[in-house]
PDB file of N, CA and C in Angstrom:
ATOM      1  N   MET A   1       0.855  -1.169   0.000  1.00  0.00           N
ATOM      2  CA  MET A   1       0.000   0.000   0.000  1.00  0.00           C
ATOM      3  C   MET A   1       0.900   1.230   0.000  1.00  0.00           C
ATOM      4  N   ARG A   2       0.368   2.303  -0.488  1.00  0.00           N
ATOM      5  CA  ARG A   2       1.107   3.573  -0.501  1.00  0.00           C
ATOM      6  C   ARG A   2       0.414   4.572   0.412  1.00  0.00           C
ATOM      7  N   LEU A   3       1.231   5.297   1.137  1.00  0.00           N
ATOM      8  CA  LEU A   3       0.728   6.273   2.093  1.00  0.00           C
ATOM      9  C   LEU A   3       1.361   7.632   1.844  1.00  0.00           C
ATOM     10  N   ASP A   4       0.607   8.674   2.103  1.00  0.00           N
ATOM     11  CA  ASP A   4       1.166  10.014   2.184  1.00  0.00           C
ATOM     12  C   ASP A   4       1.417  10.260   3.667  1.00  0.00           C
ATOM     13  N   ILE A   5       2.630  10.684   3.990  1.00  0.00           N
ATOM     14  CA  ILE A   5       3.024  10.898   5.383  1.00  0.00           C
ATOM     15  C   ILE A   5       3.160  12.405   5.625  1.00  0.00           C
ATOM     16  N   TYR A   6       2.522  12.880   6.669  1.00  0.00           N
ATOM     17  CA  TYR A   6       2.588  14.288   7.068  1.00  0.00           C
ATOM     18  C   TYR A   6       3.242  14.368   8.438  1.00  0.00           C
ATOM     19  N   ARG A   7       3.803  15.535   8.752  1.00  0.00           N
ATOM     20  CA  ARG A   7       4.375  15.724  10.085  1.00  0.00           C
ATOM     21  C   ARG A   7       4.000  17.098  10.619  1.00  0.00           C
ATOM     22  N   ARG A   8       4.061  17.207  11.939  1.00  0.00           N
ATOM     23  CA  ARG A   8       3.873  18.508  12.595  1.00  0.00           C
ATOM     24  C   ARG A   8       4.850  18.581  13.756  1.00  0.00           C
ATOM     25  N   ALA A   9       5.331  19.750  14.010  1.00  0.00           N
ATOM     26  CA  ALA A   9       6.296  19.963  15.085  1.00  0.00           C
ATOM     27  C   ALA A   9       5.604  19.900  16.432  1.00  0.00           C
ATOM     28  N   GLU A  10       6.284  19.266  17.369  1.00  0.00           N
ATOM     29  CA  GLU A  10       5.835  19.194  18.758  1.00  0.00           C
ATOM     30  C   GLU A  10       6.900  19.885  19.607  1.00  0.00           C
ATOM     31  N   SER A  11       6.803  19.783  20.902  1.00  0.00           N
ATOM     32  CA  SER A  11       7.792  20.390  21.787  1.00  0.00           C
ATOM     33  C   SER A  11       9.102  19.612  21.753  1.00  0.00           C
ATOM     34  N   ASP A  12      10.156  20.220  22.183  1.00  0.00           N
ATOM     35  CA  ASP A  12      11.478  19.600  22.297  1.00  0.00           C
ATOM     36  C   ASP A  12      12.030  19.084  20.971  1.00  0.00           C
ATOM     37  N   GLY A  13      11.635  19.693  19.858  1.00  0.00           N
ATOM     38  CA  GLY A  13      12.153  19.306  18.559  1.00  0.00           C
ATOM     39  C   GLY A  13      11.640  17.977  18.036  1.00  0.00           C
ATOM     40  N   LYS A  14      10.597  17.426  18.637  1.00  0.00           N
ATOM     41  CA  LYS A  14      10.021  16.162  18.193  1.00  0.00           C
ATOM     42  C   LYS A  14       8.921  16.435  17.175  1.00  0.00           C
ATOM     43  N   PHE A  15       8.526  15.387  16.456  1.00  0.00           N
ATOM     44  CA  PHE A  15       7.465  15.493  15.471  1.00  0.00           C
ATOM     45  C   PHE A  15       6.415  14.418  15.704  1.00  0.00           C
ATOM     46  N   SER A  16       5.174  14.721  15.356  1.00  0.00           N
ATOM     47  CA  SER A  16       4.101  13.748  15.256  1.00  0.00           C
ATOM     48  C   SER A  16       3.901  13.494  13.776  1.00  0.00           C
ATOM     49  N   TYR A  17       3.472  12.271  13.444  1.00  0.00           N
ATOM     50  CA  TYR A  17       3.283  11.898  12.050  1.00  0.00           C
ATOM     51  C   TYR A  17       1.868  11.403  11.826  1.00  0.00           C
ATOM     52  N   LEU A  18       1.378  11.643  10.627  1.00  0.00           N
ATOM     53  CA  LEU A  18       0.052  11.246  10.195  1.00  0.00           C
ATOM     54  C   LEU A  18       0.211  10.504   8.877  1.00  0.00           C
ATOM     55  N   ALA A  19      -0.307   9.294   8.791  1.00  0.00           N
ATOM     56  CA  ALA A  19      -0.245   8.490   7.565  1.00  0.00           C
ATOM     57  C   ALA A  19      -1.650   8.368   6.994  1.00  0.00           C
ATOM     58  N   VAL A  20      -1.794   8.751   5.731  1.00  0.00           N
ATOM     59  CA  VAL A  20      -3.078   8.715   5.046  1.00  0.00           C
ATOM     60  C   VAL A  20      -2.895   7.920   3.754  1.00  0.00           C
ATOM     61  N   PRO A  21      -3.804   7.005   3.430  1.00  0.00           N
ATOM     62  CA  PRO A  21      -3.670   6.305   2.152  1.00  0.00           C
ATOM     63  C   PRO A  21      -3.482   7.304   1.006  1.00  0.00           C
ATOM     64  N   GLU A  22      -2.610   6.953   0.080  1.00  0.00           N
ATOM     65  CA  GLU A  22      -2.231   7.832  -1.026  1.00  0.00           C
ATOM     66  C   GLU A  22      -3.445   8.457  -1.704  1.00  0.00           C
ATOM     67  N   ALA A  23      -3.318   9.743  -1.998  1.00  0.00           N
ATOM     68  CA  ALA A  23      -4.293  10.538  -2.742  1.00  0.00           C
ATOM     69  C   ALA A  23      -5.564  10.864  -1.955  1.00  0.00           C
ATOM     70  N   ARG A  24      -5.668  10.447  -0.705  1.00  0.00           N
ATOM     71  CA  ARG A  24      -6.806  10.864   0.129  1.00  0.00           C
ATOM     72  C   ARG A  24      -6.429  12.151   0.833  1.00  0.00           C
ATOM     73  N   ASN A  25      -7.428  12.967   1.098  1.00  0.00           N
ATOM     74  CA  ASN A  25      -7.193  14.197   1.855  1.00  0.00           C
ATOM     75  C   ASN A  25      -7.007  13.883   3.331  1.00  0.00           C
ATOM     76  N   ILE A  26      -6.348  14.783   4.036  1.00  0.00           N
ATOM     77  CA  ILE A  26      -6.266  14.648   5.486  1.00  0.00           C
ATOM     78  C   ILE A  26      -7.693  14.711   6.021  1.00  0.00           C
ATOM     79  N   PRO A  27      -8.080  13.772   6.870  1.00  0.00           N
ATOM     80  CA  PRO A  27      -9.444  13.786   7.416  1.00  0.00           C
ATOM     81  C   PRO A  27      -9.747  15.088   8.146  1.00  0.00           C
ATOM     82  N   GLU A  28     -11.007  15.484   8.091  1.00  0.00           N
ATOM     83  CA  GLU A  28     -11.430  16.766   8.646  1.00  0.00           C
ATOM     84  C   GLU A  28     -11.016  16.955  10.101  1.00  0.00           C
ATOM     85  N   GLU A  29     -11.128  15.892  10.920  1.00  0.00           N
ATOM     86  CA  GLU A  29     -10.788  16.048  12.337  1.00  0.00           C
ATOM     87  C   GLU A  29      -9.297  16.291  12.568  1.00  0.00           C
ATOM     88  N   ALA A  30      -8.475  16.075  11.542  1.00  0.00           N
ATOM     89  CA  ALA A  30      -7.033  16.290  11.681  1.00  0.00           C
ATOM     90  C   ALA A  30      -6.553  17.540  10.956  1.00  0.00           C
ATOM     91  N   THR A  31      -7.440  18.272  10.308  1.00  0.00           N
ATOM     92  CA  THR A  31      -7.012  19.433   9.527  1.00  0.00           C
ATOM     93  C   THR A  31      -6.860  20.705  10.346  1.00  0.00           C
ATOM     94  N   ASN A  32      -7.162  20.655  11.623  1.00  0.00           N
ATOM     95  CA  ASN A  32      -7.075  21.861  12.443  1.00  0.00           C
ATOM     96  C   ASN A  32      -5.662  22.131  12.945  1.00  0.00           C
ATOM     97  N   THR A  33      -4.696  21.353  12.483  1.00  0.00           N
ATOM     98  CA  THR A  33      -3.303  21.570  12.862  1.00  0.00           C
ATOM     99  C   THR A  33      -2.476  21.761  11.613  1.00  0.00           C
ATOM    100  N   ASP A  34      -1.263  22.208  11.788  1.00  0.00           N
ATOM    101  CA  ASP A  34      -0.393  22.526  10.661  1.00  0.00           C
ATOM    102  C   ASP A  34       0.442  21.327  10.243  1.00  0.00           C
ATOM    103  N   TRP A  35      -0.131  20.450   9.438  1.00  0.00           N
ATOM    104  CA  TRP A  35       0.579  19.290   8.931  1.00  0.00           C
ATOM    105  C   TRP A  35       1.357  19.690   7.686  1.00  0.00           C
ATOM    106  N   GLU A  36       2.592  19.243   7.588  1.00  0.00           N
ATOM    107  CA  GLU A  36       3.427  19.462   6.403  1.00  0.00           C
ATOM    108  C   GLU A  36       3.731  18.104   5.790  1.00  0.00           C
ATOM    109  N   ILE A  37       3.811  18.061   4.470  1.00  0.00           N
ATOM    110  CA  ILE A  37       4.098  16.793   3.810  1.00  0.00           C
ATOM    111  C   ILE A  37       5.516  16.338   4.134  1.00  0.00           C
ATOM    112  N   GLU A  38       5.657  15.083   4.504  1.00  0.00           N
ATOM    113  CA  GLU A  38       6.951  14.462   4.777  1.00  0.00           C
ATOM    114  C   GLU A  38       7.335  13.546   3.616  1.00  0.00           C
ATOM    115  N   ALA A  39       6.369  12.762   3.114  1.00  0.00           N
ATOM    116  CA  ALA A  39       6.639  11.838   2.008  1.00  0.00           C
ATOM    117  C   ALA A  39       5.342  11.547   1.268  1.00  0.00           C
ATOM    118  N   ARG A  40       5.425  11.475  -0.040  1.00  0.00           N
ATOM    119  CA  ARG A  40       4.265  11.108  -0.863  1.00  0.00           C
ATOM    120  C   ARG A  40       4.489   9.703  -1.403  1.00  0.00           C
ATOM    121  N   ALA A  41       3.412   8.941  -1.502  1.00  0.00           N
ATOM    122  CA  ALA A  41       3.437   7.586  -2.060  1.00  0.00           C
ATOM    123  C   ALA A  41       4.492   6.719  -1.377  1.00  0.00           C
ATOM    124  N   PHE A  42       4.573   6.811  -0.053  1.00  0.00           N
ATOM    125  CA  PHE A  42       5.499   6.012   0.745  1.00  0.00           C
ATOM    126  C   PHE A  42       5.015   4.569   0.715  1.00  0.00           C
ATOM    127  N   GLU A  43       5.820   3.695   0.196  1.00  0.00           N
ATOM    128  CA  GLU A  43       5.442   2.290  -0.006  1.00  0.00           C
ATOM    129  C   GLU A  43       5.657   1.479   1.268  1.00  0.00           C
ATOM    130  N   VAL A  44       4.606   0.778   1.698  1.00  0.00           N
ATOM    131  CA  VAL A  44       4.703  -0.135   2.837  1.00  0.00           C
ATOM    132  C   VAL A  44       4.005  -1.440   2.473  1.00  0.00           C
ATOM    133  N   GLU A  45       4.377  -2.511   3.139  1.00  0.00           N
ATOM    134  CA  GLU A  45       3.728  -3.800   2.926  1.00  0.00           C
ATOM    135  C   GLU A  45       2.248  -3.692   3.303  1.00  0.00           C
ATOM    136  N   ASP A  46       1.394  -4.374   2.565  1.00  0.00           N
ATOM    137  CA  ASP A  46      -0.041  -4.328   2.852  1.00  0.00           C
ATOM    138  C   ASP A  46      -0.383  -4.803   4.255  1.00  0.00           C
ATOM    139  N   ASP A  47       0.434  -5.704   4.808  1.00  0.00           N
ATOM    140  CA  ASP A  47       0.158  -6.230   6.137  1.00  0.00           C
ATOM    141  C   ASP A  47       1.033  -5.593   7.217  1.00  0.00           C
ATOM    142  N   ALA A  48       1.628  -4.457   6.917  1.00  0.00           N
ATOM    143  CA  ALA A  48       2.495  -3.778   7.901  1.00  0.00           C
ATOM    144  C   ALA A  48       1.678  -3.400   9.128  1.00  0.00           C
ATOM    145  N   SER A  49       2.229  -3.704  10.297  1.00  0.00           N
ATOM    146  CA  SER A  49       1.510  -3.382  11.535  1.00  0.00           C
ATOM    147  C   SER A  49       1.998  -2.080  12.166  1.00  0.00           C
ATOM    148  N   HIS A  50       3.177  -1.630  11.774  1.00  0.00           N
ATOM    149  CA  HIS A  50       3.674  -0.376  12.316  1.00  0.00           C
ATOM    150  C   HIS A  50       4.690   0.255  11.363  1.00  0.00           C
ATOM    151  N   LEU A  51       4.920   1.540  11.573  1.00  0.00           N
ATOM    152  CA  LEU A  51       5.936   2.287  10.833  1.00  0.00           C
ATOM    153  C   LEU A  51       6.922   2.848  11.856  1.00  0.00           C
ATOM    154  N   PRO A  52       7.973   2.103  12.166  1.00  0.00           N
ATOM    155  CA  PRO A  52       8.878   2.532  13.228  1.00  0.00           C
ATOM    156  C   PRO A  52       9.555   3.877  12.965  1.00  0.00           C
ATOM    157  N   ASP A  53       9.822   4.216  11.704  1.00  0.00           N
ATOM    158  CA  ASP A  53      10.464   5.506  11.408  1.00  0.00           C
ATOM    159  C   ASP A  53       9.592   6.688  11.786  1.00  0.00           C
ATOM    160  N   PHE A  54       8.286   6.451  11.893  1.00  0.00           N
ATOM    161  CA  PHE A  54       7.342   7.521  12.201  1.00  0.00           C
ATOM    162  C   PHE A  54       6.600   7.289  13.513  1.00  0.00           C
ATOM    163  N   ASP A  55       7.048   6.319  14.297  1.00  0.00           N
ATOM    164  CA  ASP A  55       6.423   5.996  15.589  1.00  0.00           C
ATOM    165  C   ASP A  55       4.925   5.741  15.471  1.00  0.00           C
ATOM    166  N   ILE A  56       4.520   5.086  14.389  1.00  0.00           N
ATOM    167  CA  ILE A  56       3.108   4.761  14.192  1.00  0.00           C
ATOM    168  C   ILE A  56       2.925   3.266  14.438  1.00  0.00           C
ATOM    169  N   ASN A  57       2.087   2.940  15.411  1.00  0.00           N
ATOM    170  CA  ASN A  57       1.759   1.551  15.742  1.00  0.00           C
ATOM    171  C   ASN A  57       0.337   1.246  15.296  1.00  0.00           C
ATOM    172  N   ASN A  58       0.032  -0.050  15.158  1.00  0.00           N
ATOM    173  CA  ASN A  58      -1.301  -0.499  14.756  1.00  0.00           C
ATOM    174  C   ASN A  58      -1.750   0.207  13.476  1.00  0.00           C
ATOM    175  N   LEU A  59      -0.874   0.231  12.498  1.00  0.00           N
ATOM    176  CA  LEU A  59      -1.120   0.959  11.251  1.00  0.00           C
ATOM    177  C   LEU A  59      -2.439   0.563  10.596  1.00  0.00           C
ATOM    178  N   ASN A  60      -2.597  -0.711  10.273  1.00  0.00           N
ATOM    179  CA  ASN A  60      -3.814  -1.142   9.580  1.00  0.00           C
ATOM    180  C   ASN A  60      -5.057  -0.968  10.437  1.00  0.00           C
ATOM    181  N   GLY A  61      -4.948  -1.201  11.729  1.00  0.00           N
ATOM    182  CA  GLY A  61      -6.087  -1.015  12.624  1.00  0.00           C
ATOM    183  C   GLY A  61      -6.552   0.429  12.668  1.00  0.00           C
ATOM    184  N   GLN A  62      -5.605   1.345  12.762  1.00  0.00           N
ATOM    185  CA  GLN A  62      -5.960   2.762  12.787  1.00  0.00           C
ATOM    186  C   GLN A  62      -6.593   3.196  11.469  1.00  0.00           C
ATOM    187  N   ILE A  63      -6.007   2.748  10.349  1.00  0.00           N
ATOM    188  CA  ILE A  63      -6.554   3.138   9.045  1.00  0.00           C
ATOM    189  C   ILE A  63      -7.951   2.563   8.867  1.00  0.00           C
ATOM    190  N   ALA A  64      -8.161   1.328   9.281  1.00  0.00           N
ATOM    191  CA  ALA A  64      -9.487   0.715   9.172  1.00  0.00           C
ATOM    192  C   ALA A  64     -10.511   1.455  10.027  1.00  0.00           C
ATOM    193  N   GLU A  65     -10.093   1.885  11.214  1.00  0.00           N
ATOM    194  CA  GLU A  65     -11.017   2.548  12.145  1.00  0.00           C
ATOM    195  C   GLU A  65     -11.283   4.003  11.790  1.00  0.00           C
ATOM    196  N   LYS A  66     -10.216   4.735  11.455  1.00  0.00           N
ATOM    197  CA  LYS A  66     -10.331   6.188  11.289  1.00  0.00           C
ATOM    198  C   LYS A  66     -10.070   6.687   9.872  1.00  0.00           C
ATOM    199  N   GLY A  67      -9.452   5.862   9.040  1.00  0.00           N
ATOM    200  CA  GLY A  67      -9.087   6.304   7.697  1.00  0.00           C
ATOM    201  C   GLY A  67      -7.696   6.889   7.634  1.00  0.00           C
ATOM    202  N   TYR A  68      -7.003   6.930   8.760  1.00  0.00           N
ATOM    203  CA  TYR A  68      -5.634   7.429   8.846  1.00  0.00           C
ATOM    204  C   TYR A  68      -4.985   6.815  10.080  1.00  0.00           C
ATOM    205  N   ALA A  69      -3.684   6.999  10.200  1.00  0.00           N
ATOM    206  CA  ALA A  69      -2.955   6.525  11.380  1.00  0.00           C
ATOM    207  C   ALA A  69      -2.044   7.636  11.869  1.00  0.00           C
ATOM    208  N   MET A  70      -1.873   7.720  13.181  1.00  0.00           N
ATOM    209  CA  MET A  70      -1.053   8.779  13.771  1.00  0.00           C
ATOM    210  C   MET A  70      -0.018   8.212  14.716  1.00  0.00           C
ATOM    211  N   THR A  71       1.014   9.007  14.931  1.00  0.00           N
ATOM    212  CA  THR A  71       2.017   8.705  15.939  1.00  0.00           C
ATOM    213  C   THR A  71       1.340   8.524  17.278  1.00  0.00           C
ATOM    214  N   SER A  72       1.812   7.570  18.030  1.00  0.00           N
ATOM    215  CA  SER A  72       1.266   7.334  19.367  1.00  0.00           C
ATOM    216  C   SER A  72       1.505   8.549  20.250  1.00  0.00           C
ATOM    217  N   VAL A  73       0.565   8.818  21.131  1.00  0.00           N
ATOM    218  CA  VAL A  73       0.732   9.921  22.079  1.00  0.00           C
ATOM    219  C   VAL A  73       1.854   9.599  23.068  1.00  0.00           C
ATOM    220  N   MET A  74       2.280   8.351  23.118  1.00  0.00           N
ATOM    221  CA  MET A  74       3.346   7.950  24.038  1.00  0.00           C
ATOM    222  C   MET A  74       4.728   8.131  23.448  1.00  0.00           C
ATOM    223  N   HIS A  75       4.833   8.691  22.219  1.00  0.00           N
ATOM    224  CA  HIS A  75       6.143   8.841  21.597  1.00  0.00           C
ATOM    225  C   HIS A  75       6.940   9.852  22.368  1.00  0.00           C
TER     226      HIS A  75
END
């Protein structure tokens, strides 16, 4: 599957990441923050459970539930 990856700055120089299936818009509930594109058409295995480079866990579960996946609040 291909994902568009967005990022936003957090405190202490850290970033949060948002993964959205390629060519879909950022969901409305996530558009109230300043997301910047990190990568377009980022290729991942269809059965990938996490994206360690972006601290995203339960990738497929989050996408199935919400239509996108985000960095864990515990990052």
